[in-house]
């Protein structure tokens, strides 16, 4: 898990909380409002309201649920980023085995937490996102590593001709996984992993893993580790 140093920022992180459950939303707003490095600048009870509130308040980060009425969290992320791609998103949800998780990353989410995450983990994820870094909770990380989160599908828009499997490998590179770890997770040979990596580098026009991680973030294909 990434450790965040709030002192690196000169001003508090401005956050909008979007969740359709009033108790959860109000509780998060109160919790975050007590933190010296975070200020809550708005709340939203559904996806449509999230778009309106966020584009009006222009926060640094949006803490957003995936499943909301009127417009999903993923839909809200896409609409907001189409207007202001500089706004960052951290997903906070009950679900870790849903296609929406992968869609959220692809839409541009930088962090992913389950709703059993603690106060410190939530705050760290928000500050990390404001700094352009990703943080994934342990429960969510396990889902991603074991493939419970839905893989990329061929029908989805993928940049530079990458295949769905190459996107899987790119996500694991962004997570800091070694070739051997990727071999075990994907159940392929190390030679196959190296072939995927070489093809990713060629298609994305990157020279090393650090550039590949930045490419993954820039294209919404990963949200794990530091860019």
C-alpha atoms as a PDB file:
ATOM      1  CA  UNK A   1       0.000   0.000   0.000  1.00  0.00           C
ATOM      2  CA  UNK A   2       1.263   3.442  -0.887  1.00  0.00           C
ATOM      3  CA  UNK A   3       2.126   5.713   2.026  1.00  0.00           C
ATOM      4  CA  UNK A   4       1.123   9.320   1.532  1.00  0.00           C
ATOM      5  CA  UNK A   5       2.884  12.307   3.038  1.00  0.00           C
ATOM      6  CA  UNK A   6       0.248  15.073   3.363  1.00  0.00           C
ATOM      7  CA  UNK A   7       2.983  17.672   3.968  1.00  0.00           C
ATOM      8  CA  UNK A   8       3.878  17.449   0.280  1.00  0.00           C
ATOM      9  CA  UNK A   9       0.747  19.489  -0.464  1.00  0.00           C
ATOM     10  CA  UNK A  10       0.585  23.183   0.434  1.00  0.00           C
ATOM     11  CA  UNK A  11      -3.201  23.277   0.784  1.00  0.00           C
ATOM     12  CA  UNK A  12      -5.926  20.826   1.873  1.00  0.00           C
ATOM     13  CA  UNK A  13      -7.302  18.388  -0.668  1.00  0.00           C
ATOM     14  CA  UNK A  14     -10.728  19.583  -1.841  1.00  0.00           C
ATOM     15  CA  UNK A  15     -13.122  16.615  -1.998  1.00  0.00           C
ATOM     16  CA  UNK A  16     -16.663  15.932  -3.201  1.00  0.00           C
ATOM     17  CA  UNK A  17     -18.392  12.875  -1.709  1.00  0.00           C
ATOM     18  CA  UNK A  18     -20.886  11.080  -3.992  1.00  0.00           C
ATOM     19  CA  UNK A  19     -22.929   8.211  -2.531  1.00  0.00           C
ATOM     20  CA  UNK A  20     -26.650   7.492  -2.693  1.00  0.00           C
ATOM     21  CA  UNK A  21     -26.865   6.264   0.917  1.00  0.00           C
ATOM     22  CA  UNK A  22     -27.400   9.307   3.187  1.00  0.00           C
ATOM     23  CA  UNK A  23     -25.856   7.696   6.261  1.00  0.00           C
ATOM     24  CA  UNK A  24     -22.717   6.676   4.362  1.00  0.00           C
ATOM     25  CA  UNK A  25     -22.447  10.013   2.558  1.00  0.00           C
ATOM     26  CA  UNK A  26     -22.964  12.124   5.662  1.00  0.00           C
ATOM     27  CA  UNK A  27     -20.663   9.910   7.718  1.00  0.00           C
ATOM     28  CA  UNK A  28     -17.868  10.226   5.163  1.00  0.00           C
ATOM     29  CA  UNK A  29     -18.335  13.988   4.966  1.00  0.00           C
ATOM     30  CA  UNK A  30     -18.057  14.299   8.754  1.00  0.00           C
ATOM     31  CA  UNK A  31     -15.069  11.961   8.943  1.00  0.00           C
ATOM     32  CA  UNK A  32     -13.186  13.737   6.166  1.00  0.00           C
ATOM     33  CA  UNK A  33     -14.102  17.156   7.506  1.00  0.00           C
ATOM     34  CA  UNK A  34     -12.167  16.363  10.686  1.00  0.00           C
ATOM     35  CA  UNK A  35      -8.927  15.841   8.762  1.00  0.00           C
ATOM     36  CA  UNK A  36      -6.530  18.819   8.607  1.00  0.00           C
ATOM     37  CA  UNK A  37      -5.388  17.953   5.069  1.00  0.00           C
ATOM     38  CA  UNK A  38      -8.875  17.462   3.573  1.00  0.00           C
ATOM     39  CA  UNK A  39     -11.864  19.771   3.089  1.00  0.00           C
ATOM     40  CA  UNK A  40     -15.253  18.564   1.802  1.00  0.00           C
ATOM     41  CA  UNK A  41     -16.600  21.048  -0.763  1.00  0.00           C
ATOM     42  CA  UNK A  42     -19.728  19.194  -1.847  1.00  0.00           C
ATOM     43  CA  UNK A  43     -21.935  16.120  -1.644  1.00  0.00           C
ATOM     44  CA  UNK A  44     -24.061  14.274  -4.210  1.00  0.00           C
ATOM     45  CA  UNK A  45     -26.783  11.652  -3.820  1.00  0.00           C
ATOM     46  CA  UNK A  46     -26.801  10.299  -7.391  1.00  0.00           C
ATOM     47  CA  UNK A  47     -24.691  10.265 -10.528  1.00  0.00           C
ATOM     48  CA  UNK A  48     -26.403  13.178 -12.212  1.00  0.00           C
ATOM     49  CA  UNK A  49     -26.026  15.326  -9.117  1.00  0.00           C
ATOM     50  CA  UNK A  50     -22.391  14.268  -8.855  1.00  0.00           C
ATOM     51  CA  UNK A  51     -21.690  15.665 -12.317  1.00  0.00           C
ATOM     52  CA  UNK A  52     -23.391  18.964 -11.460  1.00  0.00           C
ATOM     53  CA  UNK A  53     -21.801  19.374  -8.030  1.00  0.00           C
ATOM     54  CA  UNK A  54     -18.308  18.411  -9.187  1.00  0.00           C
ATOM     55  CA  UNK A  55     -18.300  20.679 -12.220  1.00  0.00           C
ATOM     56  CA  UNK A  56     -19.522  23.531 -10.036  1.00  0.00           C
ATOM     57  CA  UNK A  57     -17.112  22.967  -7.126  1.00  0.00           C
ATOM     58  CA  UNK A  58     -14.114  21.772  -9.207  1.00  0.00           C
ATOM     59  CA  UNK A  59     -12.602  19.690  -6.372  1.00  0.00           C
ATOM     60  CA  UNK A  60      -9.201  18.029  -6.462  1.00  0.00           C
ATOM     61  CA  UNK A  61     -10.702  14.566  -5.890  1.00  0.00           C
ATOM     62  CA  UNK A  62     -14.130  12.924  -5.989  1.00  0.00           C
ATOM     63  CA  UNK A  63     -14.837  10.040  -3.607  1.00  0.00           C
ATOM     64  CA  UNK A  64     -17.518   8.192  -5.543  1.00  0.00           C
ATOM     65  CA  UNK A  65     -19.662   5.088  -5.236  1.00  0.00           C
ATOM     66  CA  UNK A  66     -20.061   2.927  -8.348  1.00  0.00           C
ATOM     67  CA  UNK A  67     -23.741   2.106  -8.051  1.00  0.00           C
ATOM     68  CA  UNK A  68     -25.929   5.185  -7.854  1.00  0.00           C
ATOM     69  CA  UNK A  69     -29.336   6.078  -9.327  1.00  0.00           C
ATOM     70  CA  UNK A  70     -29.867   8.111 -12.495  1.00  0.00           C
ATOM     71  CA  UNK A  71     -26.237   7.748 -13.588  1.00  0.00           C
ATOM     72  CA  UNK A  72     -23.645   5.193 -12.502  1.00  0.00           C
ATOM     73  CA  UNK A  73     -20.370   6.185 -10.892  1.00  0.00           C
ATOM     74  CA  UNK A  74     -18.532   5.157 -14.042  1.00  0.00           C
ATOM     75  CA  UNK A  75     -20.874   7.243 -16.168  1.00  0.00           C
ATOM     76  CA  UNK A  76     -20.353  10.229 -13.884  1.00  0.00           C
ATOM     77  CA  UNK A  77     -16.580   9.849 -14.044  1.00  0.00           C
ATOM     78  CA  UNK A  78     -16.641   9.801 -17.836  1.00  0.00           C
ATOM     79  CA  UNK A  79     -18.871  12.860 -18.122  1.00  0.00           C
ATOM     80  CA  UNK A  80     -16.840  14.862 -15.619  1.00  0.00           C
ATOM     81  CA  UNK A  81     -13.495  13.959 -17.176  1.00  0.00           C
ATOM     82  CA  UNK A  82     -14.802  14.906 -20.603  1.00  0.00           C
ATOM     83  CA  UNK A  83     -15.155  18.457 -19.269  1.00  0.00           C
ATOM     84  CA  UNK A  84     -12.277  18.563 -16.769  1.00  0.00           C
ATOM     85  CA  UNK A  85      -9.730  15.732 -17.076  1.00  0.00           C
ATOM     86  CA  UNK A  86      -7.709  17.202 -14.216  1.00  0.00           C
ATOM     87  CA  UNK A  87     -10.204  16.084 -11.575  1.00  0.00           C
ATOM     88  CA  UNK A  88      -9.167  12.820  -9.891  1.00  0.00           C
ATOM     89  CA  UNK A  89     -11.422  10.016  -8.656  1.00  0.00           C
ATOM     90  CA  UNK A  90     -11.297   7.448  -5.872  1.00  0.00           C
ATOM     91  CA  UNK A  91     -13.939   4.711  -5.983  1.00  0.00           C
ATOM     92  CA  UNK A  92     -15.410   3.558  -2.681  1.00  0.00           C
ATOM     93  CA  UNK A  93     -17.736   0.587  -3.131  1.00  0.00           C
ATOM     94  CA  UNK A  94     -19.066  -2.611  -1.643  1.00  0.00           C
ATOM     95  CA  UNK A  95     -18.349  -4.553  -4.829  1.00  0.00           C
ATOM     96  CA  UNK A  96     -14.963  -5.941  -5.878  1.00  0.00           C
ATOM     97  CA  UNK A  97     -16.011  -8.653  -8.326  1.00  0.00           C
ATOM     98  CA  UNK A  98     -17.941  -6.548 -10.789  1.00  0.00           C
ATOM     99  CA  UNK A  99     -17.174  -5.377 -14.318  1.00  0.00           C
ATOM    100  CA  UNK A 100     -17.767  -1.836 -13.055  1.00  0.00           C
ATOM    101  CA  UNK A 101     -14.425  -1.996 -11.236  1.00  0.00           C
ATOM    102  CA  UNK A 102     -12.497  -2.461 -14.459  1.00  0.00           C
ATOM    103  CA  UNK A 103     -14.696   0.118 -16.157  1.00  0.00           C
ATOM    104  CA  UNK A 104     -13.973   2.624 -13.381  1.00  0.00           C
ATOM    105  CA  UNK A 105     -10.233   2.259 -13.880  1.00  0.00           C
ATOM    106  CA  UNK A 106     -10.624   2.640 -17.612  1.00  0.00           C
ATOM    107  CA  UNK A 107     -12.831   5.693 -17.147  1.00  0.00           C
ATOM    108  CA  UNK A 108     -10.043   7.337 -15.160  1.00  0.00           C
ATOM    109  CA  UNK A 109     -10.322   6.367 -11.471  1.00  0.00           C
ATOM    110  CA  UNK A 110      -6.998   6.531  -9.648  1.00  0.00           C
ATOM    111  CA  UNK A 111      -7.924   4.675  -6.473  1.00  0.00           C
ATOM    112  CA  UNK A 112     -10.227   1.864  -5.459  1.00  0.00           C
ATOM    113  CA  UNK A 113     -11.348   1.107  -1.902  1.00  0.00           C
ATOM    114  CA  UNK A 114     -13.948  -1.230  -0.446  1.00  0.00           C
ATOM    115  CA  UNK A 115     -16.366   0.193   2.104  1.00  0.00           C
ATOM    116  CA  UNK A 116     -14.657  -1.640   4.933  1.00  0.00           C
ATOM    117  CA  UNK A 117     -11.600   0.594   4.423  1.00  0.00           C
ATOM    118  CA  UNK A 118     -10.521   2.506   7.512  1.00  0.00           C
ATOM    119  CA  UNK A 119     -10.318   6.262   7.978  1.00  0.00           C
ATOM    120  CA  UNK A 120      -6.571   6.396   7.428  1.00  0.00           C
ATOM    121  CA  UNK A 121      -6.747   4.327   4.242  1.00  0.00           C
ATOM    122  CA  UNK A 122      -9.497   6.531   2.790  1.00  0.00           C
ATOM    123  CA  UNK A 123      -7.601   9.723   3.611  1.00  0.00           C
ATOM    124  CA  UNK A 124      -4.364   8.341   2.187  1.00  0.00           C
ATOM    125  CA  UNK A 125      -6.140   7.376  -1.035  1.00  0.00           C
ATOM    126  CA  UNK A 126      -7.618  10.857  -1.437  1.00  0.00           C
ATOM    127  CA  UNK A 127      -4.319  12.648  -0.845  1.00  0.00           C
ATOM    128  CA  UNK A 128      -2.502  10.194  -3.122  1.00  0.00           C
ATOM    129  CA  UNK A 129      -5.051  10.789  -5.898  1.00  0.00           C
ATOM    130  CA  UNK A 130      -4.679  14.550  -5.518  1.00  0.00           C
ATOM    131  CA  UNK A 131      -0.959  14.045  -6.135  1.00  0.00           C
ATOM    132  CA  UNK A 132      -1.655  11.921  -9.204  1.00  0.00           C
ATOM    133  CA  UNK A 133      -0.916   8.613  -7.525  1.00  0.00           C
ATOM    134  CA  UNK A 134      -3.078   5.556  -7.048  1.00  0.00           C
ATOM    135  CA  UNK A 135      -3.925   3.540  -3.957  1.00  0.00           C
ATOM    136  CA  UNK A 136      -5.855   0.283  -3.893  1.00  0.00           C
ATOM    137  CA  UNK A 137      -7.081  -1.287  -0.657  1.00  0.00           C
ATOM    138  CA  UNK A 138      -5.904  -4.762   0.295  1.00  0.00           C
ATOM    139  CA  UNK A 139      -9.304  -6.326  -0.330  1.00  0.00           C
ATOM    140  CA  UNK A 140      -9.574  -4.694  -3.728  1.00  0.00           C
ATOM    141  CA  UNK A 141      -5.976  -5.600  -4.574  1.00  0.00           C
ATOM    142  CA  UNK A 142      -6.733  -9.245  -3.883  1.00  0.00           C
ATOM    143  CA  UNK A 143      -9.721  -9.112  -6.234  1.00  0.00           C
ATOM    144  CA  UNK A 144      -7.627  -7.551  -8.973  1.00  0.00           C
ATOM    145  CA  UNK A 145      -4.718  -9.956  -8.532  1.00  0.00           C
ATOM    146  CA  UNK A 146      -6.907 -13.049  -8.569  1.00  0.00           C
ATOM    147  CA  UNK A 147      -8.883 -11.900 -11.577  1.00  0.00           C
ATOM    148  CA  UNK A 148     -12.179 -11.381  -9.739  1.00  0.00           C
ATOM    149  CA  UNK A 149     -12.397  -7.937 -11.284  1.00  0.00           C
ATOM    150  CA  UNK A 150     -13.528  -8.258 -14.877  1.00  0.00           C
ATOM    151  CA  UNK A 151     -10.770  -8.331 -17.524  1.00  0.00           C
ATOM    152  CA  UNK A 152     -10.558  -5.992 -20.465  1.00  0.00           C
ATOM    153  CA  UNK A 153     -12.797  -7.080 -23.325  1.00  0.00           C
ATOM    154  CA  UNK A 154     -12.142  -6.754 -27.018  1.00  0.00           C
ATOM    155  CA  UNK A 155     -15.263  -4.631 -27.485  1.00  0.00           C
ATOM    156  CA  UNK A 156     -13.959  -1.875 -25.206  1.00  0.00           C
ATOM    157  CA  UNK A 157     -11.907   0.983 -26.554  1.00  0.00           C
ATOM    158  CA  UNK A 158      -8.215   0.191 -26.096  1.00  0.00           C
ATOM    159  CA  UNK A 159      -5.438   2.555 -27.195  1.00  0.00           C
ATOM    160  CA  UNK A 160      -2.696   1.871 -29.747  1.00  0.00           C
ATOM    161  CA  UNK A 161      -3.923  -1.552 -30.774  1.00  0.00           C
ATOM    162  CA  UNK A 162      -3.220  -3.218 -27.428  1.00  0.00           C
ATOM    163  CA  UNK A 163      -4.942  -6.552 -26.951  1.00  0.00           C
ATOM    164  CA  UNK A 164      -7.032  -7.320 -23.846  1.00  0.00           C
ATOM    165  CA  UNK A 165      -4.284  -9.608 -22.530  1.00  0.00           C
ATOM    166  CA  UNK A 166      -1.645  -6.936 -23.113  1.00  0.00           C
ATOM    167  CA  UNK A 167      -3.803  -4.582 -21.053  1.00  0.00           C
ATOM    168  CA  UNK A 168      -3.854  -7.195 -18.277  1.00  0.00           C
ATOM    169  CA  UNK A 169      -0.056  -7.363 -18.386  1.00  0.00           C
ATOM    170  CA  UNK A 170       0.193  -3.566 -18.423  1.00  0.00           C
ATOM    171  CA  UNK A 171      -2.001  -3.359 -15.322  1.00  0.00           C
ATOM    172  CA  UNK A 172       0.260  -5.838 -13.539  1.00  0.00           C
ATOM    173  CA  UNK A 173       3.333  -3.836 -14.566  1.00  0.00           C
ATOM    174  CA  UNK A 174       1.687  -0.778 -13.009  1.00  0.00           C
ATOM    175  CA  UNK A 175       1.078  -2.843  -9.862  1.00  0.00           C
ATOM    176  CA  UNK A 176       4.825  -3.491  -9.622  1.00  0.00           C
ATOM    177  CA  UNK A 177       4.582  -7.198 -10.369  1.00  0.00           C
ATOM    178  CA  UNK A 178       7.683  -9.076 -11.519  1.00  0.00           C
ATOM    179  CA  UNK A 179       7.737 -11.250 -14.624  1.00  0.00           C
ATOM    180  CA  UNK A 180       7.556 -14.359 -12.469  1.00  0.00           C
ATOM    181  CA  UNK A 181       4.576 -13.033 -10.521  1.00  0.00           C
ATOM    182  CA  UNK A 182       2.791 -12.191 -13.763  1.00  0.00           C
ATOM    183  CA  UNK A 183       3.569 -15.664 -15.067  1.00  0.00           C
ATOM    184  CA  UNK A 184       1.910 -17.222 -12.003  1.00  0.00           C
ATOM    185  CA  UNK A 185      -1.093 -14.854 -11.970  1.00  0.00           C
ATOM    186  CA  UNK A 186      -1.812 -15.210 -15.696  1.00  0.00           C
ATOM    187  CA  UNK A 187      -0.877 -18.897 -15.876  1.00  0.00           C
ATOM    188  CA  UNK A 188       1.472 -18.440 -18.821  1.00  0.00           C
ATOM    189  CA  UNK A 189       5.177 -19.020 -19.404  1.00  0.00           C
ATOM    190  CA  UNK A 190       7.784 -16.387 -18.610  1.00  0.00           C
ATOM    191  CA  UNK A 191       8.633 -16.242 -22.318  1.00  0.00           C
ATOM    192  CA  UNK A 192       5.008 -15.354 -23.048  1.00  0.00           C
ATOM    193  CA  UNK A 193       5.098 -12.608 -20.428  1.00  0.00           C
ATOM    194  CA  UNK A 194       8.259 -11.170 -21.992  1.00  0.00           C
ATOM    195  CA  UNK A 195       6.642 -11.271 -25.430  1.00  0.00           C
ATOM    196  CA  UNK A 196       3.618  -9.368 -24.132  1.00  0.00           C
ATOM    197  CA  UNK A 197       5.866  -6.770 -22.503  1.00  0.00           C
ATOM    198  CA  UNK A 198       7.917  -6.272 -25.665  1.00  0.00           C
ATOM    199  CA  UNK A 199       4.746  -5.807 -27.714  1.00  0.00           C
ATOM    200  CA  UNK A 200       3.340  -3.341 -25.155  1.00  0.00           C
ATOM    201  CA  UNK A 201       6.551  -1.298 -25.273  1.00  0.00           C
ATOM    202  CA  UNK A 202       6.482  -1.247 -29.082  1.00  0.00           C
ATOM    203  CA  UNK A 203       2.804  -0.323 -29.413  1.00  0.00           C
ATOM    204  CA  UNK A 204       2.834   2.264 -26.624  1.00  0.00           C
ATOM    205  CA  UNK A 205       6.225   3.600 -27.760  1.00  0.00           C
ATOM    206  CA  UNK A 206       7.759   3.399 -24.285  1.00  0.00           C
ATOM    207  CA  UNK A 207      11.302   2.370 -23.393  1.00  0.00           C
ATOM    208  CA  UNK A 208      10.968   0.936 -19.889  1.00  0.00           C
ATOM    209  CA  UNK A 209       8.559  -0.045 -17.123  1.00  0.00           C
ATOM    210  CA  UNK A 210       8.462   3.432 -15.603  1.00  0.00           C
ATOM    211  CA  UNK A 211       7.241   4.879 -18.889  1.00  0.00           C
ATOM    212  CA  UNK A 212       4.800   1.985 -19.245  1.00  0.00           C
ATOM    213  CA  UNK A 213       3.297   2.816 -15.851  1.00  0.00           C
ATOM    214  CA  UNK A 214       2.862   6.466 -16.839  1.00  0.00           C
ATOM    215  CA  UNK A 215       1.260   5.322 -20.096  1.00  0.00           C
ATOM    216  CA  UNK A 216      -1.149   3.089 -18.157  1.00  0.00           C
ATOM    217  CA  UNK A 217      -2.230   5.965 -15.932  1.00  0.00           C
ATOM    218  CA  UNK A 218      -2.553   8.390 -18.833  1.00  0.00           C
ATOM    219  CA  UNK A 219      -4.871   6.011 -20.675  1.00  0.00           C
ATOM    220  CA  UNK A 220      -6.930   4.947 -17.656  1.00  0.00           C
ATOM    221  CA  UNK A 221      -5.755   1.344 -17.897  1.00  0.00           C
ATOM    222  CA  UNK A 222      -4.354   1.048 -14.372  1.00  0.00           C
ATOM    223  CA  UNK A 223      -4.653   2.560 -10.955  1.00  0.00           C
ATOM    224  CA  UNK A 224      -2.103   0.731  -8.855  1.00  0.00           C
ATOM    225  CA  UNK A 225       1.200   1.952  -7.442  1.00  0.00           C
ATOM    226  CA  UNK A 226       3.084   5.145  -8.267  1.00  0.00           C
ATOM    227  CA  UNK A 227       3.340   6.637 -11.729  1.00  0.00           C
END
